[in-house]
Amino acid sequence: MRLGLIIYGSLKQNSGGYLYDRTLVTHLRQQGHQVKLIPLPWRSSLAHLADNFSTPLISKIKTLHLDILLQDELNHPSLFLLNRRLKAQLSVPIISIVHHLRSSEEHPVLLKSIYGAMERRYLNSVDGFIFNSKTTRDVVTSLLDHAKPGVVALPGGDRLAPQITLAEIRQRARQSGPLRVLFLGNLIHRKAPQLLLEAAAVLPPGSVQLTFAGGARSEPGYAAFLKKLVKQYGLGSQVEFCGHLADKELRARMRSSQVLAVPSSYEGFGIAYVEGMGFGLPAIGTRAGAAPELIRPGRTGYLIDGGNARQLALILERLNADRALLARLGVAARKQWAKHPTWEQTMAGIEEFLSSYNHATSCFAYRWRKQ
């Protein structure tokens, strides 16, 4: 198959969504398919809207002679009007990769309404979907005028190839000292890392040790705000910001941590939760989005209400005090991880979906020409 993929920026960017897209492109190429990237520059929201009227972009797509055009749904501001023009000039199916909708995030009412209108129009302009979770599928389905084909392909959790035994997980849980909590994700509002600082501030001094592993480039002002909070709460000795980590160092941090907490206001899936479970880390997330698909409260981790630092503090306090519970949760998390699909299994499922879609489209086009 000849496929194109429209993305913003570069596939090298550090986020769960870009990891998913990057892994898919690599898999498809390894299987002998041709994948052409069609990168659009990161610009302001208004500038992205101008892409909808870009004749050069349509011309570029035409020259690729594609069988299927893939689009990351993140690019919807550039495509929600353009796709109608594409369909008028090309007989190429458009498949959208949906990680989560912008309109599912927390925004002021007017902005949320605008995002919702654009995404509804965009979602109805494509021919099929690749969903990263059942939650994402259900949210998208609720916005469609009629049903469209799609596949739910959960992100894998084996990227870091975790090597840890159940005995090591139990032993780590019982180590003395403050509860070692790892936050994994970019330092952005949606991931809500400030809740961990707020929770630590109400706990007895020295109860927890917080490590924030994630880049600060996406929202530098917010990252600076977090460091101000550390000083305000007097948590300097309990907090480390280590930035984006290479895989080797991230493995080491995962092995040495005892809990993974990412209290996002919304997650379309939450790759960090699964990767943490591979190292026997109980996961703490929120009830919004797809975290409930992954985290079994009281068995492999806990769920809190979005924005509720008090609930988070109570959970951390309990885990710090009851290390036997921490050990049981860690062992259960590791066992759940072992049943989760690998990246290879997930990507093979997407390839099968795309191949069958391409075959069905080709047969339809052949019958139409014969008529």
Protein backbone atom coordinates (compact mmCIF):
# COMPACT_ATOMS: atom_id res chain seq x y z
CA MET A 1 0.00 0.00 0.00
CA ARG A 2 0.99 3.60 -0.55
CA LEU A 3 -0.06 5.67 2.42
CA GLY A 4 0.30 9.30 3.41
CA LEU A 5 0.19 10.68 6.94
CA ILE A 6 -0.62 14.29 7.78
CA ILE A 7 0.87 15.48 11.07
CA TYR A 8 1.89 18.72 12.71
CA GLY A 9 5.63 19.15 13.02
CA SER A 10 7.86 16.08 13.29
CA LEU A 11 7.27 12.49 14.36
CA LYS A 12 10.22 12.90 16.74
CA GLN A 13 8.14 14.98 19.19
CA ASN A 14 7.76 13.58 22.69
CA SER A 15 4.18 12.68 23.50
CA GLY A 16 2.07 9.56 23.61
CA GLY A 17 0.28 10.50 20.41
CA TYR A 18 3.48 11.01 18.45
CA LEU A 19 4.91 7.77 19.87
CA TYR A 20 1.80 5.98 18.55
CA ASP A 21 2.08 7.56 15.09
CA ARG A 22 5.83 6.98 14.96
CA THR A 23 5.46 3.31 15.87
CA LEU A 24 2.74 2.84 13.24
CA VAL A 25 4.86 4.39 10.48
CA THR A 26 7.84 2.23 11.43
CA HIS A 27 5.73 -0.94 11.46
CA LEU A 28 4.09 -0.26 8.11
CA ARG A 29 7.43 0.47 6.46
CA GLN A 30 8.94 -2.70 7.92
CA GLN A 31 6.06 -4.66 6.38
CA GLY A 32 6.92 -3.28 2.94
CA HIS A 33 4.34 -0.51 2.69
CA GLN A 34 5.29 2.96 1.49
CA VAL A 35 4.45 5.74 3.93
CA LYS A 36 4.93 9.38 2.94
CA LEU A 37 4.83 11.98 5.69
CA ILE A 38 2.97 15.21 4.98
CA PRO A 39 4.09 17.53 7.80
CA LEU A 40 2.29 20.80 8.47
CA PRO A 41 4.14 23.46 10.45
CA TRP A 42 3.14 24.27 14.02
CA ARG A 43 1.59 27.73 13.93
CA SER A 44 -1.10 29.73 15.64
CA SER A 45 -4.67 28.43 15.59
CA LEU A 46 -5.71 31.08 13.06
CA ALA A 47 -2.81 30.18 10.78
CA HIS A 48 -3.82 26.51 10.94
CA LEU A 49 -7.28 27.46 9.69
CA ALA A 50 -5.67 28.87 6.55
CA ASP A 51 -4.48 25.36 5.61
CA ASN A 52 -8.08 24.51 4.73
CA PHE A 53 -7.77 26.74 1.68
CA SER A 54 -4.31 25.58 0.60
CA THR A 55 -4.31 24.53 -3.04
CA PRO A 56 -0.59 23.61 -2.87
CA LEU A 57 -1.36 21.13 -0.09
CA ILE A 58 -3.99 19.40 -2.23
CA SER A 59 -1.59 19.37 -5.19
CA LYS A 60 1.12 17.80 -3.05
CA ILE A 61 -1.23 15.04 -1.89
CA LYS A 62 -2.28 14.39 -5.50
CA THR A 63 1.31 13.80 -6.60
CA LEU A 64 1.76 11.01 -4.03
CA HIS A 65 -0.78 8.69 -5.75
CA LEU A 66 -1.91 7.24 -2.43
CA ASP A 67 -4.09 4.24 -1.67
CA ILE A 68 -5.03 5.63 1.77
CA LEU A 69 -4.54 9.02 3.38
CA LEU A 70 -4.00 8.92 7.15
CA GLN A 71 -4.57 12.02 9.26
CA ASP A 72 -3.76 12.57 12.92
CA GLU A 73 -6.95 14.04 14.37
CA LEU A 74 -4.81 16.62 16.17
CA ASN A 75 -4.60 18.31 12.76
CA HIS A 76 -8.34 18.90 12.53
CA PRO A 77 -8.04 22.75 12.52
CA SER A 78 -6.18 22.44 9.21
CA LEU A 79 -8.45 19.80 7.68
CA PHE A 80 -12.07 20.16 8.77
CA LEU A 81 -12.89 22.11 5.58
CA LEU A 82 -10.05 20.89 3.36
CA ASN A 83 -11.24 17.26 3.37
CA ARG A 84 -14.33 18.15 1.37
CA ARG A 85 -12.11 19.63 -1.35
CA LEU A 86 -9.83 16.59 -1.19
CA LYS A 87 -12.74 14.23 -1.75
CA ALA A 88 -13.94 16.27 -4.70
CA GLN A 89 -10.57 15.87 -6.42
CA LEU A 90 -9.26 12.51 -5.15
CA SER A 91 -10.80 9.05 -4.80
CA VAL A 92 -8.64 8.21 -1.79
CA PRO A 93 -10.16 7.03 1.53
CA ILE A 94 -9.27 9.21 4.50
CA ILE A 95 -8.62 7.45 7.81
CA SER A 96 -8.24 9.49 10.99
CA ILE A 97 -6.01 8.43 13.91
CA VAL A 98 -7.81 9.69 17.01
CA HIS A 99 -5.90 9.90 20.30
CA HIS A 100 -8.43 12.14 22.04
CA LEU A 101 -10.58 15.08 21.07
CA ARG A 102 -9.58 18.63 21.91
CA SER A 103 -13.20 19.27 22.83
CA SER A 104 -12.93 16.59 25.54
CA GLU A 105 -10.37 18.70 27.38
CA GLU A 106 -11.16 21.46 29.86
CA HIS A 107 -11.59 24.83 28.13
CA PRO A 108 -13.62 28.00 28.61
CA VAL A 109 -17.20 27.43 27.42
CA LEU A 110 -16.91 29.43 24.19
CA LEU A 111 -13.58 27.86 23.16
CA LYS A 112 -14.86 24.38 23.96
CA SER A 113 -17.88 25.04 21.76
CA ILE A 114 -15.67 26.15 18.88
CA TYR A 115 -13.44 23.10 19.20
CA GLY A 116 -16.51 20.89 19.33
CA ALA A 117 -17.99 22.37 16.14
CA MET A 118 -14.72 22.02 14.22
CA GLU A 119 -14.13 18.47 15.40
CA ARG A 120 -17.68 17.36 14.65
CA ARG A 121 -17.32 18.63 11.10
CA TYR A 122 -13.87 17.08 10.76
CA LEU A 123 -14.93 13.66 12.08
CA ASN A 124 -17.83 13.55 9.64
CA SER A 125 -15.49 14.42 6.76
CA VAL A 126 -13.36 11.26 7.00
CA ASP A 127 -14.11 7.69 5.97
CA GLY A 128 -12.88 5.64 8.92
CA PHE A 129 -10.99 5.70 12.19
CA ILE A 130 -8.15 4.24 14.22
CA PHE A 131 -9.01 4.68 17.91
CA ASN A 132 -6.56 4.37 20.78
CA SER A 133 -9.24 3.29 23.29
CA LYS A 134 -12.88 2.32 23.62
CA THR A 135 -13.48 5.63 25.38
CA THR A 136 -12.17 7.56 22.39
CA ARG A 137 -14.30 5.44 20.04
CA ASP A 138 -17.46 6.12 22.05
CA VAL A 139 -16.83 9.88 22.21
CA VAL A 140 -16.24 10.06 18.45
CA THR A 141 -19.24 7.86 17.65
CA SER A 142 -21.51 10.22 19.57
CA LEU A 143 -20.53 13.02 17.17
CA LEU A 144 -21.03 11.17 13.88
CA ASP A 145 -24.03 11.68 11.62
CA HIS A 146 -23.82 8.01 10.64
CA ALA A 147 -21.66 5.00 11.49
CA LYS A 148 -18.20 4.66 9.94
CA PRO A 149 -15.73 1.76 10.02
CA GLY A 150 -13.00 1.83 12.62
CA VAL A 151 -10.65 -0.22 14.77
CA VAL A 152 -9.78 0.13 18.45
CA ALA A 153 -6.02 -0.39 18.70
CA LEU A 154 -4.72 0.04 22.25
CA PRO A 155 -1.18 1.45 22.57
CA GLY A 156 1.35 -1.13 23.68
CA GLY A 157 3.12 -1.01 27.01
CA ASP A 158 6.29 -2.90 26.15
CA ARG A 159 8.40 -0.10 24.65
CA LEU A 160 10.77 -0.06 27.65
CA ALA A 161 11.00 -3.87 27.87
CA PRO A 162 10.68 -3.86 31.67
CA GLN A 163 12.74 -6.46 33.52
CA ILE A 164 11.58 -6.87 37.12
CA THR A 165 10.38 -9.84 39.17
CA LEU A 166 7.42 -10.02 41.49
CA ALA A 167 9.81 -10.57 44.38
CA GLU A 168 11.65 -7.35 43.48
CA ILE A 169 8.36 -5.46 43.36
CA ARG A 170 7.44 -6.69 46.85
CA GLN A 171 10.88 -5.88 48.21
CA ARG A 172 10.85 -2.38 46.70
CA ALA A 173 7.43 -1.61 48.21
CA ARG A 174 8.74 -2.39 51.70
CA GLN A 175 11.79 -0.16 51.47
CA SER A 176 11.77 2.49 54.18
CA GLY A 177 11.70 6.22 53.60
CA PRO A 178 9.26 8.54 51.82
CA LEU A 179 6.92 7.12 49.19
CA ARG A 180 8.68 7.54 45.82
CA VAL A 181 6.14 8.88 43.32
CA LEU A 182 6.87 9.27 39.62
CA PHE A 183 5.00 11.63 37.28
CA LEU A 184 5.58 10.73 33.62
CA GLY A 185 4.40 13.17 30.97
CA ASN A 186 4.95 16.61 29.53
CA LEU A 187 4.50 19.43 32.06
CA ILE A 188 1.22 20.78 30.71
CA HIS A 189 -2.07 21.87 32.28
CA ARG A 190 -3.98 18.83 31.02
CA LYS A 191 -1.64 16.42 32.80
CA ALA A 192 -2.23 18.38 36.06
CA PRO A 193 1.16 17.78 37.76
CA GLN A 194 0.38 20.65 40.14
CA LEU A 195 -2.05 18.33 41.96
CA LEU A 196 0.89 16.27 43.18
CA LEU A 197 2.50 19.38 44.63
CA GLU A 198 -0.77 20.40 46.27
CA ALA A 199 -1.18 16.92 47.72
CA ALA A 200 2.38 16.83 49.03
CA ALA A 201 1.88 20.22 50.67
CA VAL A 202 -0.86 18.86 53.00
CA LEU A 203 0.97 15.67 53.93
CA PRO A 204 3.41 15.42 56.83
CA PRO A 205 6.86 16.71 55.78
CA GLY A 206 8.96 14.03 54.15
CA SER A 207 6.02 11.70 53.38
CA VAL A 208 6.61 11.62 49.64
CA GLN A 209 9.42 12.14 47.16
CA LEU A 210 8.15 13.45 43.81
CA THR A 211 9.96 12.99 40.50
CA PHE A 212 8.63 14.79 37.41
CA ALA A 213 9.88 13.15 34.20
CA GLY A 214 8.70 15.15 31.22
CA GLY A 215 9.51 18.03 28.94
CA ALA A 216 8.66 21.67 29.66
CA ARG A 217 8.74 23.06 26.11
CA SER A 218 5.05 22.71 25.32
CA GLU A 219 3.92 25.11 28.07
CA PRO A 220 7.03 26.82 29.49
CA GLY A 221 4.96 29.32 31.50
CA TYR A 222 3.16 26.48 33.25
CA ALA A 223 6.44 24.68 33.97
CA ALA A 224 7.76 27.86 35.58
CA PHE A 225 4.57 28.06 37.65
CA LEU A 226 5.20 24.55 38.97
CA LYS A 227 8.66 25.50 40.20
CA LYS A 228 7.19 28.53 41.95
CA LEU A 229 4.73 26.23 43.70
CA VAL A 230 7.60 24.07 44.94
CA LYS A 231 9.14 27.11 46.62
CA GLN A 232 5.79 28.36 47.88
CA TYR A 233 5.02 25.03 49.56
CA GLY A 234 8.57 24.52 50.82
CA LEU A 235 8.97 21.23 48.95
CA GLY A 236 12.43 21.81 47.51
CA SER A 237 13.98 18.75 49.17
CA GLN A 238 11.08 16.51 48.10
CA VAL A 239 10.80 17.39 44.40
CA GLU A 240 12.96 16.72 41.35
CA PHE A 241 12.31 17.94 37.82
CA CYS A 242 14.44 15.76 35.56
CA GLY A 243 13.04 16.73 32.14
CA HIS A 244 12.53 14.33 29.26
CA LEU A 245 14.47 11.12 29.90
CA ALA A 246 16.11 8.77 27.42
CA ASP A 247 14.80 5.22 27.63
CA LYS A 248 17.74 3.88 29.65
CA GLU A 249 17.39 6.47 32.38
CA LEU A 250 13.59 6.22 32.33
CA ARG A 251 13.86 2.48 32.96
CA ALA A 252 16.06 3.19 35.98
CA ARG A 253 13.55 5.73 37.33
CA MET A 254 10.69 3.30 36.82
CA ARG A 255 12.54 0.55 38.66
CA SER A 256 13.37 2.78 41.62
CA SER A 257 9.94 4.43 41.96
CA GLN A 258 7.07 2.93 43.94
CA VAL A 259 3.98 4.64 42.47
CA LEU A 260 3.14 6.30 39.16
CA ALA A 261 0.72 9.23 39.35
CA VAL A 262 -0.54 11.23 36.37
CA PRO A 263 -3.72 13.02 37.57
CA SER A 264 -4.69 14.38 34.15
CA SER A 265 -7.91 16.27 33.63
CA TYR A 266 -8.42 14.01 30.60
CA GLU A 267 -6.58 11.08 28.97
CA GLY A 268 -7.59 9.50 25.68
CA PHE A 269 -5.66 6.43 26.79
CA GLY A 270 -2.68 6.98 29.11
CA ILE A 271 0.40 5.10 27.86
CA ALA A 272 2.31 6.12 31.00
CA TYR A 273 -0.06 4.08 33.18
CA VAL A 274 0.60 0.89 31.23
CA GLU A 275 4.34 1.44 31.01
CA GLY A 276 4.45 2.02 34.77
CA MET A 277 2.50 -1.18 35.40
CA GLY A 278 5.19 -3.04 33.49
CA PHE A 279 7.56 -2.07 36.30
CA GLY A 280 5.02 -3.01 38.98
CA LEU A 281 4.00 0.59 39.70
CA PRO A 282 0.43 1.06 40.92
CA ALA A 283 -1.15 3.81 38.82
CA ILE A 284 -3.08 6.83 40.04
CA GLY A 285 -5.22 8.63 37.46
CA THR A 286 -8.56 10.40 37.22
CA ARG A 287 -12.02 9.19 36.30
CA ALA A 288 -12.14 11.42 33.23
CA GLY A 289 -11.27 9.81 29.90
CA ALA A 290 -9.88 6.31 29.42
CA ALA A 291 -7.93 5.84 32.66
CA PRO A 292 -10.79 3.68 34.08
CA GLU A 293 -10.18 1.24 31.23
CA LEU A 294 -6.69 0.63 32.59
CA ILE A 295 -6.74 1.24 36.33
CA ARG A 296 -8.72 -1.08 38.59
CA PRO A 297 -9.34 0.88 41.81
CA GLY A 298 -8.01 -0.90 44.86
CA ARG A 299 -6.42 -3.63 42.71
CA THR A 300 -3.87 -2.05 40.35
CA GLY A 301 -4.11 1.58 41.46
CA TYR A 302 -6.64 4.30 42.22
CA LEU A 303 -8.85 6.84 40.47
CA ILE A 304 -9.61 10.31 41.78
CA ASP A 305 -11.93 13.08 40.67
CA GLY A 306 -10.21 15.53 38.35
CA GLY A 307 -8.61 18.41 40.22
CA ASN A 308 -9.09 16.83 43.65
CA ALA A 309 -5.74 17.17 45.43
CA ARG A 310 -7.28 16.11 48.73
CA GLN A 311 -8.27 12.69 47.36
CA LEU A 312 -4.80 12.30 45.91
CA ALA A 313 -3.18 13.18 49.25
CA LEU A 314 -5.27 10.58 51.09
CA ILE A 315 -4.26 7.85 48.65
CA LEU A 316 -0.56 8.73 48.87
CA GLU A 317 -0.79 8.83 52.66
CA ARG A 318 -2.40 5.38 52.75
CA LEU A 319 0.16 3.82 50.41
CA ASN A 320 3.00 5.33 52.39
CA ALA A 321 1.62 3.89 55.63
CA ASP A 322 0.57 0.47 54.29
CA ARG A 323 3.50 -1.01 52.40
CA ALA A 324 1.88 -4.45 52.26
CA LEU A 325 -0.98 -2.88 50.28
CA LEU A 326 1.55 -1.12 48.05
CA ALA A 327 3.21 -4.46 47.35
CA ARG A 328 -0.09 -6.19 46.48
CA LEU A 329 -1.06 -3.38 44.11
CA GLY A 330 2.35 -3.46 42.44
CA VAL A 331 2.24 -7.21 41.86
CA ALA A 332 -1.30 -6.99 40.46
CA ALA A 333 -0.27 -4.11 38.19
CA ARG A 334 2.60 -6.17 36.77
CA LYS A 335 0.31 -9.15 36.16
CA GLN A 336 -2.23 -6.93 34.39
CA TRP A 337 0.53 -5.49 32.22
CA ALA A 338 1.54 -8.99 31.13
CA LYS A 339 -1.92 -9.42 29.54
CA HIS A 340 -1.86 -6.09 27.72
CA PRO A 341 -1.28 -6.07 23.93
CA THR A 342 2.25 -5.42 22.71
CA TRP A 343 3.01 -2.66 20.25
CA GLU A 344 3.63 -5.30 17.59
CA GLN A 345 0.19 -6.85 18.13
CA THR A 346 -1.50 -3.46 18.05
CA MET A 347 0.25 -2.28 14.91
CA ALA A 348 -0.46 -5.59 13.16
CA GLY A 349 -4.15 -5.06 13.92
CA ILE A 350 -4.05 -1.60 12.38
CA GLU A 351 -2.25 -2.91 9.32
CA GLU A 352 -4.92 -5.59 8.88
CA PHE A 353 -7.66 -2.96 9.15
CA LEU A 354 -5.98 -0.70 6.59
CA SER A 355 -5.29 -3.58 4.21
CA SER A 356 -8.88 -4.83 4.37
CA TYR A 357 -10.18 -1.29 3.93
CA ASN A 358 -7.91 -0.74 0.93
CA HIS A 359 -8.97 -4.07 -0.59
CA ALA A 360 -12.67 -3.31 -0.13
CA THR A 361 -12.23 0.17 -1.61
CA SER A 362 -10.30 -1.18 -4.58
CA CYS A 363 -12.96 -3.82 -5.30
CA PHE A 364 -15.69 -1.17 -5.12
CA ALA A 365 -13.79 1.11 -7.48
CA TYR A 366 -13.27 -1.78 -9.93
CA ARG A 367 -16.98 -2.66 -9.91
CA TRP A 368 -17.89 1.02 -10.39
CA ARG A 369 -15.57 1.30 -13.40
CA LYS A 370 -17.06 -1.90 -14.91
CA GLN A 371 -20.52 -0.38 -14.66
